[in-house]
Amino acid sequence: MACNCGRTGRSTLVYRLVLPDGGTRDYLTRQEADAANRRAGGRGSITAVPK
């Protein structure tokens, strides 16, 4: 019998940066997404999405 180790049905959140040119990138933390957005000019939007 396989062990599910309590992770059944759980999803991980990632922070998706969507840039004005349509490019997207996923980050594990909000801070990483914020830093990438600043490097890209600060005009992108960040949303938390389940992965």
C-alpha atoms as a PDB file:
ATOM      1  CA  MET A   1       0.000   0.000   0.000  1.00  0.00           C
ATOM      2  CA  ALA A   2       1.388   3.392  -0.973  1.00  0.00           C
ATOM      3  CA  CYS A   3       1.798   6.195   1.534  1.00  0.00           C
ATOM      4  CA  ASN A   4       0.085   9.448   0.652  1.00  0.00           C
ATOM      5  CA  CYS A   5       1.905  11.220   3.532  1.00  0.00           C
ATOM      6  CA  GLY A   6      -0.933  13.697   4.078  1.00  0.00           C
ATOM      7  CA  ARG A   7      -0.537  15.453   0.730  1.00  0.00           C
ATOM      8  CA  THR A   8      -3.732  14.238  -0.909  1.00  0.00           C
ATOM      9  CA  GLY A   9      -5.551  17.071  -2.616  1.00  0.00           C
ATOM     10  CA  ARG A  10      -3.001  19.721  -1.720  1.00  0.00           C
ATOM     11  CA  SER A  11      -1.744  22.176  -4.279  1.00  0.00           C
ATOM     12  CA  THR A  12       1.195  24.527  -4.176  1.00  0.00           C
ATOM     13  CA  LEU A  13       0.827  28.240  -4.797  1.00  0.00           C
ATOM     14  CA  VAL A  14       3.111  29.974  -7.252  1.00  0.00           C
ATOM     15  CA  TYR A  15       3.225  33.664  -8.046  1.00  0.00           C
ATOM     16  CA  ARG A  16       2.715  34.358 -11.744  1.00  0.00           C
ATOM     17  CA  LEU A  17       4.175  37.529 -13.204  1.00  0.00           C
ATOM     18  CA  VAL A  18       2.393  38.621 -16.380  1.00  0.00           C
ATOM     19  CA  LEU A  19       4.240  41.284 -18.343  1.00  0.00           C
ATOM     20  CA  PRO A  20       2.604  43.800 -20.700  1.00  0.00           C
ATOM     21  CA  ASP A  21       4.172  42.059 -23.727  1.00  0.00           C
ATOM     22  CA  GLY A  22       2.330  38.850 -22.800  1.00  0.00           C
ATOM     23  CA  GLY A  23       5.287  37.031 -21.261  1.00  0.00           C
ATOM     24  CA  THR A  24       4.666  35.051 -18.081  1.00  0.00           C
ATOM     25  CA  ARG A  25       6.929  33.568 -15.455  1.00  0.00           C
ATOM     26  CA  ASP A  26       6.173  31.651 -12.259  1.00  0.00           C
ATOM     27  CA  TYR A  27       8.006  32.250  -8.965  1.00  0.00           C
ATOM     28  CA  LEU A  28       7.925  30.356  -5.696  1.00  0.00           C
ATOM     29  CA  THR A  29       7.738  33.490  -3.524  1.00  0.00           C
ATOM     30  CA  ARG A  30       6.029  36.849  -3.805  1.00  0.00           C
ATOM     31  CA  GLN A  31       9.359  38.579  -3.130  1.00  0.00           C
ATOM     32  CA  GLU A  32      10.953  36.917  -6.180  1.00  0.00           C
ATOM     33  CA  ALA A  33       8.020  37.949  -8.357  1.00  0.00           C
ATOM     34  CA  ASP A  34       8.179  41.541  -7.051  1.00  0.00           C
ATOM     35  CA  ALA A  35      11.912  41.744  -7.732  1.00  0.00           C
ATOM     36  CA  ALA A  36      11.479  40.397 -11.279  1.00  0.00           C
ATOM     37  CA  ASN A  37       8.669  42.870 -11.892  1.00  0.00           C
ATOM     38  CA  ARG A  38      10.883  45.776 -10.766  1.00  0.00           C
ATOM     39  CA  ARG A  39      13.696  44.567 -13.062  1.00  0.00           C
ATOM     40  CA  ALA A  40      11.205  44.482 -15.942  1.00  0.00           C
ATOM     41  CA  GLY A  41      10.097  48.069 -15.362  1.00  0.00           C
ATOM     42  CA  GLY A  42       7.384  47.525 -12.752  1.00  0.00           C
ATOM     43  CA  ARG A  43       4.473  47.360 -15.187  1.00  0.00           C
ATOM     44  CA  GLY A  44       3.584  43.664 -14.809  1.00  0.00           C
ATOM     45  CA  SER A  45       0.900  42.119 -12.645  1.00  0.00           C
ATOM     46  CA  ILE A  46       1.367  39.355 -10.099  1.00  0.00           C
ATOM     47  CA  THR A  47      -1.271  36.812  -9.132  1.00  0.00           C
ATOM     48  CA  ALA A  48      -1.151  33.743  -6.897  1.00  0.00           C
ATOM     49  CA  VAL A  49      -2.162  30.598  -8.779  1.00  0.00           C
ATOM     50  CA  PRO A  50      -2.360  26.961  -7.682  1.00  0.00           C
ATOM     51  CA  LYS A  51       0.112  24.662  -9.362  1.00  0.00           C
END
